[in-house]
Amino acid sequence: MKKKSFIPQTKVKNPEPNKKDDNWVIWAAWADRITFEEIKDKTGKTESDVIKLMRKSLRPGSFRLWRKRVHNTSIKHRKKFKLQRKKLREKIKIADIY
């Protein structure tokens, strides 16, 4: 019988999958803060490869929801993300003046 530890173990609801697995690509594609460039750096899969994998792995409704979310959210591309942050900072500076 295994002895219980006094240190509590935290169980994550959705733990990060292994990076060598396609499940990591799906997990990263759903994550808002992971860009397609980061996915390509870590796995070698391009944006079109990720889209094909998502289309194959997800149900049609889930895929449409993901595509709509990625299309409307500009943070999946590093260049668009930086531009959006710059606009937000300028907007905050203008709001502080008035």
Protein backbone atom coordinates (compact mmCIF):
# COMPACT_ATOMS: atom_id res chain seq x y z
CA MET A 1 0.00 0.00 0.00
CA LYS A 2 1.28 3.44 -0.95
CA LYS A 3 1.88 5.94 1.83
CA LYS A 4 -0.08 9.17 1.46
CA SER A 5 1.93 12.33 1.16
CA PHE A 6 1.23 15.32 3.39
CA ILE A 7 1.85 17.63 0.43
CA PRO A 8 -1.42 18.30 -1.42
CA GLN A 9 -1.31 17.52 -5.11
CA THR A 10 -2.88 20.01 -7.44
CA LYS A 11 -4.76 18.44 -10.30
CA VAL A 12 -5.12 20.58 -13.40
CA LYS A 13 -8.44 20.35 -15.20
CA ASN A 14 -6.87 20.49 -18.66
CA PRO A 15 -3.14 19.74 -18.38
CA GLU A 16 -0.82 20.66 -21.23
CA PRO A 17 -0.29 17.64 -23.53
CA ASN A 18 3.11 16.38 -24.68
CA LYS A 19 4.61 18.71 -27.33
CA LYS A 20 5.48 15.83 -29.65
CA ASP A 21 1.81 14.87 -29.95
CA ASP A 22 -0.84 16.32 -32.28
CA ASN A 23 -2.97 16.93 -29.20
CA TRP A 24 -0.51 19.67 -28.20
CA VAL A 25 -1.07 21.41 -31.54
CA ILE A 26 -4.84 21.30 -31.01
CA TRP A 27 -4.42 22.54 -27.44
CA ALA A 28 -2.13 25.36 -28.58
CA ALA A 29 -4.47 26.34 -31.42
CA TRP A 30 -7.33 26.77 -28.93
CA ALA A 31 -5.12 28.79 -26.55
CA ASP A 32 -5.43 32.53 -27.20
CA ARG A 33 -1.91 33.52 -26.22
CA ILE A 34 -0.05 31.00 -28.38
CA THR A 35 0.53 32.35 -31.88
CA PHE A 36 0.81 30.35 -35.08
CA GLU A 37 4.47 31.39 -35.25
CA GLU A 38 5.14 29.77 -31.86
CA ILE A 39 3.38 26.59 -32.98
CA LYS A 40 5.57 26.52 -36.09
CA ASP A 41 8.73 27.06 -34.04
CA LYS A 42 7.90 24.22 -31.63
CA THR A 43 6.35 21.65 -33.98
CA GLY A 44 7.24 22.70 -37.52
CA LYS A 45 3.58 22.85 -38.56
CA THR A 46 2.49 25.87 -40.58
CA GLU A 47 -0.84 27.65 -40.14
CA SER A 48 -2.38 25.69 -43.02
CA ASP A 49 -1.18 22.42 -41.45
CA VAL A 50 -2.77 23.42 -38.15
CA ILE A 51 -6.05 24.26 -39.92
CA LYS A 52 -6.04 20.87 -41.69
CA LEU A 53 -5.32 19.07 -38.42
CA MET A 54 -8.09 20.97 -36.64
CA ARG A 55 -10.55 20.23 -39.46
CA LYS A 56 -9.68 16.52 -39.29
CA SER A 57 -9.74 16.26 -35.48
CA LEU A 58 -12.66 18.45 -34.44
CA ARG A 59 -16.35 18.06 -35.02
CA PRO A 60 -17.66 20.35 -37.81
CA GLY A 61 -19.41 22.73 -35.40
CA SER A 62 -16.35 22.97 -33.16
CA PHE A 63 -14.14 23.65 -36.16
CA ARG A 64 -16.42 26.45 -37.38
CA LEU A 65 -16.45 27.97 -33.89
CA TRP A 66 -12.65 27.83 -33.72
CA ARG A 67 -12.21 29.36 -37.20
CA LYS A 68 -14.63 32.17 -36.35
CA ARG A 69 -12.77 32.82 -33.11
CA VAL A 70 -9.32 32.79 -34.76
CA HIS A 71 -10.49 34.95 -37.65
CA ASN A 72 -12.00 37.59 -35.35
CA THR A 73 -9.17 37.47 -32.81
CA SER A 74 -6.04 39.05 -34.20
CA ILE A 75 -3.71 37.72 -31.49
CA LYS A 76 -3.03 34.39 -33.24
CA HIS A 77 -0.49 36.21 -35.41
CA ARG A 78 2.45 37.88 -33.69
CA LYS A 79 2.53 40.92 -36.01
CA LYS A 80 -1.19 41.63 -35.58
CA PHE A 81 -0.90 41.08 -31.84
CA LYS A 82 1.88 43.66 -31.50
CA LEU A 83 -0.08 46.15 -33.63
CA GLN A 84 -3.21 45.68 -31.54
CA ARG A 85 -1.24 46.21 -28.30
CA LYS A 86 0.30 49.39 -29.73
CA LYS A 87 -3.14 50.78 -30.63
CA LEU A 88 -4.42 49.92 -27.18
CA ARG A 89 -1.52 51.72 -25.48
CA GLU A 90 -2.12 54.83 -27.63
CA LYS A 91 -5.81 54.75 -26.77
CA ILE A 92 -5.01 54.55 -23.05
CA LYS A 93 -2.60 57.51 -23.34
CA ILE A 94 -5.24 59.62 -25.09
CA ALA A 95 -7.85 58.68 -22.47
CA ASP A 96 -5.45 59.73 -19.68
CA ILE A 97 -5.01 63.19 -21.23
CA TYR A 98 -8.72 64.03 -21.13
